[in-house]
Protein backbone atom coordinates (compact mmCIF):
# COMPACT_ATOMS: atom_id res chain seq x y z
CA MET A 1 71.90 116.57 131.94
CA GLY A 2 71.86 115.94 128.21
CA PHE A 3 72.85 118.35 125.43
CA ARG A 4 69.49 120.17 125.39
CA ASP A 5 69.47 120.76 129.15
CA LEU A 6 73.11 121.87 129.07
CA LEU A 7 72.48 124.25 126.17
CA LEU A 8 69.56 125.86 127.97
CA LEU A 9 71.61 126.02 131.18
CA TYR A 10 74.42 127.87 129.37
CA VAL A 11 71.91 130.25 127.77
CA VAL A 12 70.08 131.06 131.01
CA ALA A 13 73.38 131.52 132.88
CA ALA A 14 74.90 133.95 130.38
CA LEU A 15 71.81 135.51 128.76
CA SER A 16 70.27 137.93 131.22
CA ILE A 17 67.74 140.40 129.89
CA ARG A 18 68.75 142.88 132.58
CA TRP A 19 71.90 143.53 130.54
CA ILE A 20 69.73 144.39 127.54
CA ALA A 21 68.18 147.22 129.55
CA THR A 22 71.61 148.27 130.85
CA ALA A 23 72.97 148.36 127.28
CA ALA A 24 70.00 150.37 126.00
CA ALA A 25 70.43 152.88 128.85
CA ALA A 26 74.00 153.44 127.63
CA GLY A 27 72.67 154.53 124.21
CA PRO A 28 72.96 153.33 120.58
CA SER A 29 76.75 152.98 120.85
CA SER A 30 76.18 149.92 123.04
CA ILE A 31 75.20 147.94 119.91
CA LEU A 32 78.72 148.31 118.51
CA MET A 33 80.19 147.65 121.96
CA TRP A 34 78.39 144.28 122.06
CA VAL A 35 80.20 143.37 118.83
CA VAL A 36 83.59 144.56 120.16
CA GLY A 37 83.03 142.74 123.45
CA CYS A 38 82.14 139.57 121.61
CA VAL A 39 85.38 139.66 119.58
CA THR A 40 87.79 140.73 122.34
CA TYR A 41 86.31 138.88 125.31
CA PHE A 42 83.59 136.37 124.46
CA VAL A 43 85.46 134.59 121.64
CA PRO A 44 88.63 134.08 123.75
CA LEU A 45 86.50 132.92 126.69
CA VAL A 46 84.51 130.42 124.62
CA PHE A 47 87.54 128.89 122.91
CA CYS A 48 89.55 128.64 126.13
CA VAL A 49 86.64 126.93 127.88
CA LEU A 50 86.09 124.77 124.80
CA GLU A 51 89.57 123.27 124.97
CA LEU A 52 90.00 123.17 128.74
CA SER A 53 86.65 121.47 129.33
CA SER A 54 87.50 118.97 126.60
CA ARG A 55 90.94 118.27 128.10
CA TYR A 56 89.77 118.08 131.74
CA PRO A 57 85.98 117.50 132.00
CA ASP A 58 86.07 116.97 135.77
CA GLU A 59 83.78 118.25 138.51
CA GLY A 60 85.07 121.67 139.55
CA GLY A 61 85.88 123.21 136.14
CA MET A 62 88.06 126.29 136.68
CA TYR A 63 89.19 124.97 140.07
CA VAL A 64 90.63 121.88 138.39
CA TRP A 65 92.20 123.79 135.47
CA SER A 66 94.04 126.32 137.66
CA LYS A 67 95.13 123.61 140.09
CA ARG A 68 96.61 121.58 137.24
CA ALA A 69 98.40 124.59 135.77
CA PHE A 70 99.69 126.39 138.87
CA GLY A 71 99.20 124.17 141.90
CA GLU A 72 96.79 123.83 144.80
CA PHE A 73 96.87 127.44 146.00
CA ALA A 74 95.96 128.79 142.56
CA GLY A 75 93.23 126.18 142.21
CA PHE A 76 91.73 127.01 145.59
CA MET A 77 91.85 130.78 145.03
CA THR A 78 90.25 130.41 141.59
CA GLY A 79 87.40 128.41 143.05
CA TRP A 80 87.09 130.64 146.10
CA LEU A 81 87.03 133.92 144.17
CA TYR A 82 84.59 132.60 141.59
CA TRP A 83 82.30 131.33 144.32
CA ALA A 84 82.60 134.64 146.19
CA ALA A 85 81.69 136.53 143.00
CA THR A 86 78.28 134.90 143.00
CA LEU A 87 77.41 136.14 146.49
CA PRO A 88 76.68 139.78 145.49
CA TYR A 89 75.53 138.55 142.07
CA PHE A 90 72.60 136.61 143.55
CA PRO A 91 71.06 139.66 145.28
CA ALA A 92 71.55 141.72 142.08
CA ILE A 93 69.56 139.14 140.09
CA LEU A 94 66.85 139.11 142.75
CA TYR A 95 66.64 142.91 142.88
CA PHE A 96 66.12 142.89 139.12
CA ALA A 97 63.41 140.24 139.45
CA ALA A 98 61.71 142.19 142.25
CA ALA A 99 61.66 145.40 140.20
CA ASN A 100 60.11 143.69 137.20
CA ALA A 101 57.62 141.66 139.24
CA LEU A 102 55.88 144.95 140.07
CA PHE A 103 54.69 145.14 136.45
CA ILE A 104 52.66 141.92 136.81
CA ARG A 105 49.83 144.12 138.10
CA GLY A 106 50.58 147.05 135.84
CA ASP A 107 50.70 150.33 137.78
CA ARG A 108 49.04 148.95 140.92
CA TRP A 109 52.27 147.81 142.56
CA GLN A 110 54.56 150.62 141.40
CA HIS A 111 54.39 152.36 144.79
CA LEU A 112 56.81 149.65 145.97
CA ALA A 113 59.47 150.57 143.40
CA ASN A 114 61.60 152.38 146.01
CA ASN A 115 60.58 150.31 149.03
CA ASN A 116 63.69 148.73 150.56
CA VAL A 117 61.67 146.29 152.69
CA TYR A 118 59.86 144.91 149.64
CA PHE A 119 63.14 144.30 147.78
CA ILE A 120 64.73 142.60 150.78
CA VAL A 121 61.74 140.32 151.46
CA PHE A 122 61.36 139.40 147.77
CA SER A 123 65.09 138.66 147.47
CA LEU A 124 65.11 136.42 150.54
CA ALA A 125 62.09 134.49 149.24
CA GLY A 126 63.68 134.06 145.79
CA LEU A 127 66.90 132.86 147.41
CA LEU A 128 64.95 130.26 149.37
CA VAL A 129 63.25 128.95 146.20
CA GLY A 130 66.54 128.75 144.29
CA VAL A 131 68.41 126.82 146.96
CA ALA A 132 65.48 124.48 147.71
CA LEU A 133 65.14 123.37 144.09
CA ASN A 134 68.89 122.84 143.76
CA ILE A 135 69.00 120.71 146.90
CA LEU A 136 66.32 118.53 145.29
CA GLY A 137 68.74 118.08 142.40
CA LEU A 138 69.21 119.04 138.77
CA ASP A 139 66.29 116.84 137.72
CA PHE A 140 64.13 119.43 139.50
CA GLY A 141 66.33 122.51 139.28
CA LYS A 142 66.89 122.30 135.52
CA TRP A 143 63.20 123.04 134.91
CA LEU A 144 63.57 126.30 136.77
CA HIS A 145 66.63 127.05 134.62
CA ASN A 146 64.73 126.38 131.41
CA VAL A 147 61.49 128.27 132.14
CA GLY A 148 61.39 131.93 131.20
CA ALA A 149 65.02 132.12 130.05
CA TRP A 150 64.46 133.09 126.43
CA LEU A 151 60.74 133.75 125.92
CA PRO A 152 60.70 137.38 127.25
CA ALA A 153 63.61 138.33 124.97
CA PHE A 154 61.90 136.60 122.03
CA MET A 155 58.67 138.50 122.76
CA LEU A 156 60.51 141.80 122.87
CA ILE A 157 62.37 141.20 119.62
CA VAL A 158 59.23 140.13 117.72
CA LEU A 159 56.89 142.83 119.07
CA GLY A 160 59.58 145.50 118.92
CA SER A 161 60.41 144.68 115.33
CA MET A 162 56.72 144.99 114.41
CA ALA A 163 56.47 148.38 116.14
CA TRP A 164 59.76 149.55 114.60
CA LEU A 165 58.56 148.76 111.08
CA ARG A 166 55.20 150.48 111.64
CA PHE A 167 56.17 153.54 113.70
CA GLY A 168 59.93 153.96 113.33
CA SER A 169 62.56 154.25 116.06
CA ALA A 170 62.18 156.32 119.23
CA THR A 171 65.98 156.70 119.40
CA GLN A 172 68.00 158.33 116.66
CA MET A 173 70.22 155.75 114.94
CA SER A 174 73.06 157.31 112.96
CA THR A 175 76.79 156.91 112.48
CA SER A 176 77.52 159.51 115.16
CA THR A 177 75.24 157.91 117.77
CA LEU A 178 76.43 154.35 117.05
CA LEU A 179 80.10 155.22 117.65
CA PRO A 180 81.09 154.99 121.35
CA SER A 181 82.20 158.20 123.06
CA VAL A 182 84.81 158.34 125.82
CA ASN A 183 82.89 159.28 128.95
CA LEU A 184 82.16 157.89 132.42
CA LYS A 185 78.96 156.17 131.30
CA THR A 186 80.70 154.34 128.45
CA LEU A 187 83.65 153.25 130.60
CA PHE A 188 81.36 151.88 133.29
CA PHE A 189 79.33 150.01 130.70
CA TRP A 190 82.35 148.31 129.08
CA SER A 191 83.04 146.19 132.17
CA THR A 192 79.34 145.31 132.27
CA ILE A 193 79.52 144.13 128.65
CA ALA A 194 82.32 141.70 129.49
CA PHE A 195 80.51 140.50 132.61
CA ALA A 196 77.28 139.99 130.66
CA LEU A 197 79.06 137.82 128.09
CA GLY A 198 80.55 135.58 130.77
CA GLY A 199 79.14 132.35 132.15
CA ALA A 200 80.48 129.71 129.75
CA GLU A 201 83.21 128.84 132.24
CA GLY A 202 80.93 128.36 135.24
CA MET A 203 78.68 125.58 133.98
CA SER A 204 81.72 123.39 133.29
CA ALA A 205 82.04 122.95 137.07
CA MET A 206 79.32 120.28 136.88
CA GLY A 207 81.28 117.96 134.58
CA GLU A 208 80.36 114.77 136.42
CA GLU A 209 76.62 115.56 136.25
CA ILE A 210 76.60 115.96 132.47
CA GLN A 211 76.09 113.14 129.98
CA ASN A 212 79.24 112.71 127.86
CA PRO A 213 80.76 116.05 129.01
CA ARG A 214 83.75 115.90 126.65
CA ARG A 215 81.33 115.95 123.69
CA ASN A 216 78.34 117.91 125.01
CA ILE A 217 80.08 120.80 126.83
CA PRO A 218 81.96 122.12 123.73
CA ARG A 219 78.85 121.78 121.52
CA ALA A 220 76.71 123.61 124.09
CA VAL A 221 79.32 126.37 124.58
CA VAL A 222 79.48 127.19 120.86
CA ALA A 223 75.72 126.97 120.22
CA SER A 224 74.82 129.05 123.27
CA GLY A 225 77.46 131.64 122.37
CA ILE A 226 75.80 132.28 119.01
CA ILE A 227 72.32 132.51 120.57
CA ILE A 228 73.45 134.81 123.37
CA THR A 229 75.35 137.28 121.17
CA ILE A 230 72.55 137.63 118.62
CA THR A 231 69.92 138.05 121.34
CA TYR A 232 71.87 140.76 123.18
CA ILE A 233 72.43 142.81 120.02
CA ALA A 234 68.88 142.40 118.69
CA GLY A 235 67.30 143.03 122.10
CA THR A 236 69.29 146.21 122.68
CA ALA A 237 68.37 147.57 119.25
CA VAL A 238 64.67 146.88 119.82
CA VAL A 239 64.61 148.54 123.28
CA LEU A 240 66.22 151.64 121.76
CA ALA A 241 63.62 151.59 119.00
CA ALA A 242 60.84 151.47 121.60
CA LEU A 243 62.17 154.06 124.07
CA PRO A 244 64.62 156.98 123.97
CA SER A 245 67.83 155.88 125.69
CA ASN A 246 67.49 158.58 128.38
CA GLU A 247 64.16 157.06 129.46
CA VAL A 248 65.51 153.51 129.90
CA THR A 249 66.26 152.40 133.45
CA GLN A 250 68.52 149.46 134.29
CA LEU A 251 66.06 147.82 136.68
CA GLN A 252 62.82 148.21 134.71
CA GLY A 253 63.83 149.31 131.20
CA PHE A 254 63.14 145.92 129.64
CA ILE A 255 59.53 145.73 130.87
CA GLN A 256 58.98 149.41 130.08
CA ALA A 257 60.02 148.74 126.50
CA ILE A 258 57.97 145.59 126.00
CA THR A 259 54.91 147.26 127.55
CA LYS A 260 55.21 150.17 125.14
CA VAL A 261 55.71 148.06 122.01
CA GLY A 262 52.90 145.75 123.14
CA ASP A 263 50.52 148.70 123.43
CA ARG A 264 51.60 149.96 120.01
CA VAL A 265 50.78 146.68 118.25
CA GLY A 266 47.60 146.02 120.28
CA PHE A 267 49.01 143.32 122.60
CA TYR A 268 48.02 145.08 125.83
CA THR A 269 48.86 142.17 128.17
CA ALA A 270 52.43 141.92 126.86
CA GLY A 271 53.85 143.88 129.82
CA PRO A 272 52.29 141.83 132.67
CA LEU A 273 53.00 138.55 130.84
CA ALA A 274 56.61 139.49 130.20
CA ALA A 275 56.97 140.66 133.81
CA LEU A 276 55.85 137.25 135.04
CA LEU A 277 58.23 135.46 132.67
CA VAL A 278 61.11 137.77 133.56
CA THR A 279 60.54 137.10 137.25
CA ILE A 280 60.52 133.34 136.69
CA GLY A 281 63.50 133.57 134.33
CA SER A 282 65.51 135.61 136.88
CA ILE A 283 64.89 133.00 139.55
CA GLY A 284 65.96 130.43 136.94
CA THR A 285 69.22 132.32 136.36
CA LEU A 286 69.78 132.34 140.10
CA GLY A 287 69.16 128.58 140.17
CA ALA A 288 71.59 127.95 137.32
CA TRP A 289 74.41 129.86 139.01
CA PHE A 290 73.56 128.30 142.36
CA ALA A 291 73.92 124.86 140.78
CA ALA A 292 77.32 125.64 139.25
CA SER A 293 78.98 127.75 141.95
CA ALA A 294 78.09 125.41 144.82
CA ARG A 295 80.24 122.71 143.17
CA LEU A 296 83.37 124.79 143.86
CA PRO A 297 83.24 124.71 147.69
CA PHE A 298 82.01 121.12 147.31
CA VAL A 299 85.23 120.11 145.50
CA ALA A 300 87.31 122.18 147.94
CA GLY A 301 85.63 120.27 150.78
CA ILE A 302 86.59 116.97 149.13
CA ASP A 303 90.20 118.25 148.88
CA ARG A 304 90.02 119.18 152.61
CA PHE A 305 90.82 122.87 152.09
CA LEU A 306 87.36 123.64 153.49
CA PRO A 307 85.75 121.64 156.32
CA ALA A 308 84.84 118.12 155.18
CA ALA A 309 81.13 118.95 155.57
CA PHE A 310 81.30 120.96 152.33
CA GLY A 311 82.07 117.70 150.51
CA ARG A 312 78.93 115.96 151.76
CA VAL A 313 76.06 115.04 149.46
CA HIS A 314 72.43 114.66 150.48
CA PRO A 315 71.69 110.98 151.24
CA ARG A 316 68.53 111.05 149.10
CA TRP A 317 68.99 113.80 146.49
CA LYS A 318 72.75 113.30 145.99
CA THR A 319 73.42 117.06 145.90
CA PRO A 320 76.07 119.13 147.79
CA TYR A 321 73.45 120.40 150.22
CA VAL A 322 75.87 121.82 152.82
CA ALA A 323 77.64 123.94 150.20
CA LEU A 324 74.27 125.10 148.85
CA ILE A 325 72.89 126.07 152.26
CA VAL A 326 76.03 127.94 153.33
CA GLN A 327 76.09 129.74 149.99
CA ALA A 328 72.47 130.84 150.45
CA MET A 329 73.13 132.09 153.99
CA VAL A 330 76.10 134.23 152.92
CA ALA A 331 74.21 135.55 149.87
CA GLY A 332 71.41 136.55 152.26
CA ILE A 333 73.87 138.73 154.16
CA PHE A 334 74.79 140.52 150.92
CA ILE A 335 71.11 141.33 150.35
CA PHE A 336 71.29 143.52 153.47
CA LEU A 337 74.84 144.82 152.90
CA GLY A 338 73.97 146.15 149.44
CA GLN A 339 71.37 148.48 150.97
CA ALA A 340 73.82 150.14 153.38
CA GLY A 341 73.91 153.90 152.81
CA THR A 342 72.22 153.95 149.40
CA SER A 343 68.93 153.76 147.51
CA VAL A 344 67.40 150.70 145.83
CA ALA A 345 68.93 151.68 142.46
CA GLY A 346 72.23 152.50 144.16
CA ALA A 347 72.23 149.14 145.96
CA TYR A 348 71.69 147.39 142.63
CA ASP A 349 74.61 149.25 141.00
CA VAL A 350 76.94 148.48 143.93
CA LEU A 351 75.97 144.79 143.96
CA VAL A 352 76.62 144.55 140.21
CA SER A 353 80.04 146.22 140.53
CA MET A 354 81.03 144.04 143.50
CA GLY A 355 80.08 140.95 141.52
CA ILE A 356 81.96 142.11 138.41
CA ILE A 357 85.30 142.68 140.20
CA SER A 358 85.16 139.35 142.07
CA TYR A 359 84.14 137.56 138.87
CA PHE A 360 87.08 138.84 136.83
CA LEU A 361 89.79 137.88 139.34
CA PRO A 362 89.49 134.08 138.89
CA LEU A 363 89.29 134.55 135.11
CA LEU A 364 92.84 135.90 135.26
CA TYR A 365 93.86 132.50 136.58
CA MET A 366 91.78 130.70 133.96
CA PHE A 367 93.21 132.54 130.94
CA CYS A 368 96.74 132.04 132.29
CA ALA A 369 95.97 128.33 132.80
CA ALA A 370 94.72 128.10 129.20
CA ILE A 371 98.10 129.44 128.04
CA ARG A 372 100.24 127.33 130.37
CA LEU A 373 98.42 124.03 129.77
CA GLN A 374 99.17 124.22 126.05
CA ARG A 375 102.45 122.52 126.89
CA GLU A 376 100.60 119.34 127.93
CA PRO A 377 99.91 116.81 125.16
CA ALA A 378 96.31 116.63 123.96
CA GLY A 379 94.62 113.27 123.43
CA PRO A 380 92.77 112.34 120.24
CA ASP A 381 89.37 113.17 121.76
CA VAL A 382 90.39 116.68 122.86
CA ILE A 383 88.79 119.56 120.93
CA ARG A 384 91.61 121.99 120.18
CA VAL A 385 91.33 125.70 119.44
CA PRO A 386 91.36 126.16 115.62
CA GLY A 387 94.95 126.92 114.66
CA GLY A 388 96.42 124.94 117.53
CA ARG A 389 98.80 126.22 120.18
CA PRO A 390 99.72 129.64 118.65
CA VAL A 391 96.07 130.68 118.30
CA ALA A 392 95.22 129.31 121.74
CA VAL A 393 98.02 131.36 123.32
CA PHE A 394 96.93 134.49 121.41
CA LEU A 395 93.30 134.09 122.53
CA GLY A 396 94.45 133.49 126.12
CA ILE A 397 96.46 136.73 126.08
CA LEU A 398 93.59 138.66 124.46
CA GLY A 399 91.16 137.37 127.08
CA LEU A 400 93.64 138.20 129.84
CA LEU A 401 94.06 141.81 128.65
CA SER A 402 90.29 142.30 128.26
CA THR A 403 89.76 140.97 131.77
CA ILE A 404 92.38 143.29 133.29
CA ILE A 405 90.92 146.37 131.54
CA SER A 406 87.38 145.41 132.54
CA SER A 407 88.45 144.92 136.18
CA VAL A 408 89.91 148.42 136.34
CA LEU A 409 86.86 150.02 134.69
CA ALA A 410 84.48 148.18 137.04
CA CYS A 411 85.91 150.20 139.94
CA ILE A 412 84.45 153.40 138.45
CA PRO A 413 81.03 154.11 140.03
CA PRO A 414 78.16 155.11 137.74
CA GLY A 415 77.50 158.80 137.26
CA ASN A 416 74.14 158.69 139.07
CA GLU A 417 75.65 157.25 142.27
CA SER A 418 75.06 159.79 145.05
CA ASN A 419 77.92 158.62 147.27
CA LYS A 420 80.75 157.75 144.90
CA LEU A 421 83.44 157.40 147.56
CA LEU A 422 81.36 154.91 149.56
CA ALA A 423 80.61 152.96 146.36
CA VAL A 424 84.34 152.71 145.51
CA VAL A 425 85.17 151.64 149.07
CA LYS A 426 82.49 148.93 148.92
CA ILE A 427 83.69 147.65 145.55
CA ILE A 428 87.46 147.63 146.13
CA GLY A 429 87.28 146.91 149.86
CA SER A 430 85.01 143.90 149.45
CA SER A 431 87.24 142.48 146.70
CA ALA A 432 90.43 142.90 148.75
CA LEU A 433 88.74 141.40 151.80
CA THR A 434 87.55 138.44 149.72
CA VAL A 435 91.11 137.71 148.52
CA ALA A 436 92.50 137.97 152.06
CA ILE A 437 89.83 135.69 153.54
CA GLY A 438 90.43 133.13 150.80
CA ALA A 439 94.18 133.08 151.44
CA VAL A 440 93.64 132.62 155.19
CA ILE A 441 91.15 129.78 154.63
CA TYR A 442 93.58 128.07 152.27
CA TRP A 443 96.47 128.11 154.76
CA ILE A 444 94.24 126.94 157.58
CA GLY A 445 92.93 124.13 155.36
CA ARG A 446 96.44 123.22 154.25
CA GLY A 447 97.53 122.95 157.87
CA ARG A 448 94.53 120.72 158.59
CA ARG A 449 95.45 118.42 155.71
CA ILE A 450 99.04 118.12 156.94
CA ARG A 451 97.88 117.21 160.44
CA ILE A 452 95.41 114.63 159.11
CA ALA A 453 98.09 113.08 156.90
CA ALA A 454 100.55 112.97 159.81
CA THR A 455 97.96 111.27 162.03
CA LYS A 456 97.20 108.62 159.40
CA SER A 457 100.89 107.86 158.87
CA ARG A 458 101.44 106.99 162.52
């Protein structure tokens, strides 16, 4: 992948229009929270990834950085937890795509909006498409990443701005409404803000498949960061201008808004067109994360912590096909688990929360690694954090604190969850189980490596 492909991959991985709808549902205060999240979380994340990927542009990304800073166990657990975080994340993306695909035919398919079977079948089909294209390789998969990633958001911003100028805002925008209030809805949304701004660290796992990674990864990280932040803020403001915040839903709020502003300005096919693009773009996001996260068990397979089969590449397509297939199978299980004891909307919220907690755990390792590795000398071609070691340490600590706070807040179920206790058990229990399974796999793999080494030495 060259710079353009990498830039688009970063954008599609981190820019998800479903977070625009989630932010709008939280109200006008979410606009200010995007800014705060950018300063306290996104900036530390980008600069830490900027330097670490420049220092160590190897296949595996976070796995390699944590391993170098704290040893093999930390490296394995970072890779394992980050990979595990994608398993509930994939079904959440697919549920969002399924909900918005219903708008392709306007109101004709809306009777399926609460149909569990439809969401499960759609999600399984989307999973199959994502893994198939990634097995064929990035030459094929990158086109899925690039299609539909930014066009729906661009449509919304342009059409919404036109409607805003002509008809005014449907949501009251004032100093009092823009300031965040301390309530359950705001606390739940803060962790979502941090999660939505993540992704810069994941794409660095494909270092050996990127042209001139030491130069292109930092450039793509900075450029995509600017695009992503501006799009989130502008998109949220436009959705709130199109719809009152209490009418915005997380699953379909984006399409509802673009349909309404399209009708206002006379572009009556805006909704179905955007729904098609959102569906394609969501599958593209799935493909992008599939491409990155599968490299983690692939590298672990090469290091013999996982069975050697994980380190195999396809003889023709040269992709880690075993890691991709296993990842798809486990993600398929989560499609069914998310539905246990809840509604479609409840399943989506639980899947998002499960993904958020698992995602933040390896970032704790990464921010600590960014601090610890400052003691290693940097070569002349390494891109340092502006201000050098003191600023890098400060940003690492700031990112670490933001991650810890977001992890705690992610355990709080949303106010509309009917079975809050079950939701908390799913979120915390699945995270604890993931950590325990990872530790067991590591020690089993370590024992296997010792036996193999002993056999070879005889």
